[in-house]
Amino acid sequence: MRSTARPSATLASPALASPSPASVDTAEIQRLFADFMAAWTAGDARAFGALFTDDSDYVSYDGTIVRGRRAHELNHDKLFRGVLAGSALVGDLESVRFLTPDVAVAHGTASVLMPWRSTLPRRRLSRQTVVVVRTGQGWRIGAIHNGRVRPVTVPEPDAFPSRMSQLMARVAGRLGLGRA
């Protein structure tokens, strides 16, 4: 995460105040994200799987969904011994927002750096939306959705792509095609 909260001094006491529970939790979630990348880079499927809740969801960049910590561990074991052998996961945690004291949504970017590359191709950049939950073992990943970063602009209603779409909808309607 690019910026972190710092404990602040109180006016009533010359000593520094204890870190707030939210800042302690944020630091633990930052560590979870770092552990996520470290387990990947080490090719350690067991450590990777241990970061998830038993009933977690993992949506890959291609839209596939896998449910359950054990399934994440098994899939990543195959990947770490196969097509992703020797790869590193590199990235940054961008934000953490607490929905409740025990549930937070984190956003980060991370990408797989293959062993034959020294820099990431832009097309490999992915953004993760991660739901983390407090468990008896600390913060764990309850759900993660990993999507490629492919920014597109939203065209104005009178821009060429919008006008073409509107025209195609009118033509389809006149021909009795589509959902018209």
Protein backbone atom coordinates (compact mmCIF):
# COMPACT_ATOMS: atom_id res chain seq x y z
CA MET A 1 0.00 0.00 0.00
CA ARG A 2 1.47 3.29 -0.95
CA SER A 3 0.51 5.17 2.19
CA THR A 4 0.00 3.88 5.68
CA ALA A 5 -1.59 5.38 8.75
CA ARG A 6 0.83 6.46 11.48
CA PRO A 7 0.11 6.64 15.18
CA SER A 8 -0.34 10.23 16.26
CA ALA A 9 0.60 11.90 19.51
CA THR A 10 -2.22 13.00 21.78
CA LEU A 11 -2.31 16.44 23.34
CA ALA A 12 -3.15 15.01 26.76
CA SER A 13 -0.11 12.77 26.94
CA PRO A 14 3.50 13.34 25.95
CA ALA A 15 3.77 9.69 24.97
CA LEU A 16 2.71 8.38 21.58
CA ALA A 17 -0.77 6.90 21.48
CA SER A 18 -1.16 3.21 20.76
CA PRO A 19 -1.92 2.44 17.13
CA SER A 20 -5.63 2.37 16.44
CA PRO A 21 -7.22 -1.05 15.88
CA ALA A 22 -7.89 -0.07 12.24
CA SER A 23 -4.22 0.78 11.62
CA VAL A 24 -3.12 -2.50 13.22
CA ASP A 25 -5.64 -4.40 11.06
CA THR A 26 -4.54 -2.49 7.95
CA ALA A 27 -0.93 -3.48 8.65
CA GLU A 28 -1.98 -7.12 9.05
CA ILE A 29 -3.87 -6.99 5.74
CA GLN A 30 -0.82 -5.44 4.08
CA ARG A 31 1.22 -8.34 5.45
CA LEU A 32 -1.39 -10.79 4.09
CA PHE A 33 -1.02 -9.27 0.60
CA ALA A 34 2.79 -9.43 0.90
CA ASP A 35 2.56 -13.07 2.07
CA PHE A 36 0.28 -13.79 -0.92
CA MET A 37 2.96 -12.54 -3.31
CA ALA A 38 5.79 -14.21 -1.36
CA ALA A 39 4.08 -17.64 -1.32
CA TRP A 40 3.50 -17.37 -5.08
CA THR A 41 7.09 -16.32 -5.76
CA ALA A 42 8.38 -19.18 -3.59
CA GLY A 43 6.15 -21.61 -5.53
CA ASP A 44 4.73 -22.72 -2.17
CA ALA A 45 1.18 -23.89 -2.83
CA ARG A 46 0.63 -24.93 0.77
CA ALA A 47 1.56 -21.48 2.11
CA PHE A 48 -0.50 -19.90 -0.69
CA GLY A 49 -3.57 -21.96 0.18
CA ALA A 50 -3.21 -21.21 3.90
CA LEU A 51 -3.91 -17.54 3.15
CA PHE A 52 -7.52 -18.36 2.15
CA THR A 53 -10.61 -19.27 4.14
CA ASP A 54 -11.91 -22.81 3.71
CA ASP A 55 -14.93 -21.55 1.73
CA SER A 56 -13.13 -18.88 -0.32
CA ASP A 57 -13.76 -17.97 -3.95
CA TYR A 58 -11.02 -17.28 -6.50
CA VAL A 59 -11.99 -15.69 -9.83
CA SER A 60 -9.10 -15.82 -12.26
CA TYR A 61 -8.29 -13.18 -14.88
CA ASP A 62 -10.05 -15.29 -17.51
CA GLY A 63 -13.28 -15.42 -15.50
CA THR A 64 -13.02 -18.97 -14.19
CA ILE A 65 -14.07 -19.45 -10.58
CA VAL A 66 -12.72 -21.96 -8.11
CA ARG A 67 -14.20 -22.45 -4.66
CA GLY A 68 -12.43 -23.63 -1.53
CA ARG A 69 -8.99 -23.26 0.02
CA ARG A 70 -7.99 -26.81 -0.82
CA ALA A 71 -8.89 -26.33 -4.50
CA HIS A 72 -6.80 -23.12 -4.63
CA GLU A 73 -3.87 -24.99 -3.14
CA LEU A 74 -4.18 -27.91 -5.57
CA ASN A 75 -4.59 -25.66 -8.62
CA HIS A 76 -1.65 -23.49 -7.66
CA ASP A 77 0.50 -26.51 -6.92
CA LYS A 78 -0.03 -27.59 -10.53
CA LEU A 79 0.63 -24.06 -11.78
CA PHE A 80 3.77 -23.58 -9.65
CA ARG A 81 5.17 -26.93 -10.84
CA GLY A 82 3.98 -26.35 -14.42
CA VAL A 83 3.33 -23.27 -16.55
CA LEU A 84 4.15 -20.78 -13.78
CA ALA A 85 7.27 -22.54 -12.44
CA GLY A 86 9.85 -20.00 -11.35
CA SER A 87 7.49 -17.05 -11.75
CA ALA A 88 7.19 -14.19 -9.30
CA LEU A 89 4.09 -12.27 -8.27
CA VAL A 90 4.87 -8.57 -8.00
CA GLY A 91 2.56 -5.74 -7.12
CA ASP A 92 1.19 -3.18 -4.70
CA LEU A 93 -1.71 -3.01 -2.31
CA GLU A 94 -3.55 0.17 -3.25
CA SER A 95 -6.29 0.47 -0.66
CA VAL A 96 -8.06 -1.18 2.26
CA ARG A 97 -11.62 -0.26 3.22
CA PHE A 98 -13.30 -1.80 6.25
CA LEU A 99 -16.92 -2.84 5.70
CA THR A 100 -17.16 -4.07 9.29
CA PRO A 101 -14.48 -4.52 11.95
CA ASP A 102 -14.04 -8.10 10.68
CA VAL A 103 -14.44 -7.67 6.89
CA ALA A 104 -12.50 -5.44 4.51
CA VAL A 105 -12.22 -4.92 0.78
CA ALA A 106 -8.71 -4.43 -0.54
CA HIS A 107 -7.65 -3.39 -4.02
CA GLY A 108 -4.23 -4.08 -5.40
CA THR A 109 -2.33 -4.62 -8.57
CA ALA A 110 -0.17 -7.64 -9.09
CA SER A 111 1.21 -9.39 -12.11
CA VAL A 112 3.06 -12.57 -12.85
CA LEU A 113 6.67 -11.98 -13.82
CA MET A 114 7.90 -14.99 -15.74
CA PRO A 115 11.47 -16.13 -15.05
CA TRP A 116 12.74 -15.15 -18.49
CA ARG A 117 11.57 -11.52 -18.08
CA SER A 118 13.13 -8.67 -16.14
CA THR A 119 10.18 -6.30 -16.56
CA LEU A 120 6.45 -6.79 -16.81
CA PRO A 121 4.69 -6.32 -20.13
CA ARG A 122 1.83 -3.81 -19.69
CA ARG A 123 -0.65 -6.39 -20.98
CA ARG A 124 0.07 -8.56 -17.92
CA LEU A 125 -1.03 -5.97 -15.35
CA SER A 126 -3.97 -7.19 -13.28
CA ARG A 127 -6.08 -5.61 -10.57
CA GLN A 128 -7.30 -7.65 -7.64
CA THR A 129 -10.39 -7.03 -5.57
CA VAL A 130 -9.87 -8.97 -2.37
CA VAL A 131 -12.40 -9.55 0.39
CA VAL A 132 -10.53 -10.31 3.60
CA VAL A 133 -12.11 -11.61 6.78
CA ARG A 134 -10.87 -11.87 10.33
CA THR A 135 -10.65 -15.50 11.42
CA GLY A 136 -9.31 -17.25 14.51
CA GLN A 137 -6.00 -17.54 12.61
CA GLY A 138 -5.89 -13.85 11.64
CA TRP A 139 -6.92 -12.14 8.42
CA ARG A 140 -7.59 -14.49 5.50
CA ILE A 141 -8.77 -14.10 1.91
CA GLY A 142 -12.49 -14.89 1.61
CA ALA A 143 -12.74 -13.94 -2.06
CA ILE A 144 -10.49 -12.61 -4.76
CA HIS A 145 -11.35 -11.40 -8.24
CA ASN A 146 -8.39 -10.94 -10.55
CA GLY A 147 -8.95 -9.00 -13.76
CA ARG A 148 -6.64 -7.65 -16.42
CA VAL A 149 -6.25 -3.89 -16.53
CA ARG A 150 -7.58 -2.85 -19.91
CA PRO A 151 -8.86 0.70 -19.49
CA VAL A 152 -11.39 1.87 -22.01
CA THR A 153 -13.12 5.21 -22.08
CA VAL A 154 -16.87 5.51 -21.99
CA PRO A 155 -17.89 7.20 -25.25
CA GLU A 156 -20.16 10.22 -25.15
CA PRO A 157 -23.71 9.56 -26.42
CA ASP A 158 -23.04 11.58 -29.60
CA ALA A 159 -19.60 10.02 -30.32
CA PHE A 160 -19.16 7.79 -33.38
CA PRO A 161 -19.25 4.42 -31.49
CA SER A 162 -22.47 5.47 -29.72
CA ARG A 163 -24.12 6.69 -32.92
CA MET A 164 -23.20 3.42 -34.71
CA SER A 165 -24.65 1.34 -31.88
CA GLN A 166 -27.84 3.40 -31.91
CA LEU A 167 -28.12 2.99 -35.69
CA MET A 168 -27.57 -0.77 -35.49
CA ALA A 169 -30.26 -1.03 -32.80
CA ARG A 170 -32.76 0.86 -34.99
CA VAL A 171 -31.96 -1.28 -38.04
CA ALA A 172 -32.22 -4.51 -36.03
CA GLY A 173 -35.57 -3.38 -34.64
CA ARG A 174 -36.94 -2.66 -38.12
CA LEU A 175 -35.76 -6.08 -39.33
CA GLY A 176 -37.20 -7.87 -36.31
CA LEU A 177 -33.79 -9.03 -35.13
CA GLY A 178 -32.29 -9.12 -31.67
CA ARG A 179 -34.31 -8.55 -28.52
CA ALA A 180 -36.59 -5.92 -30.05
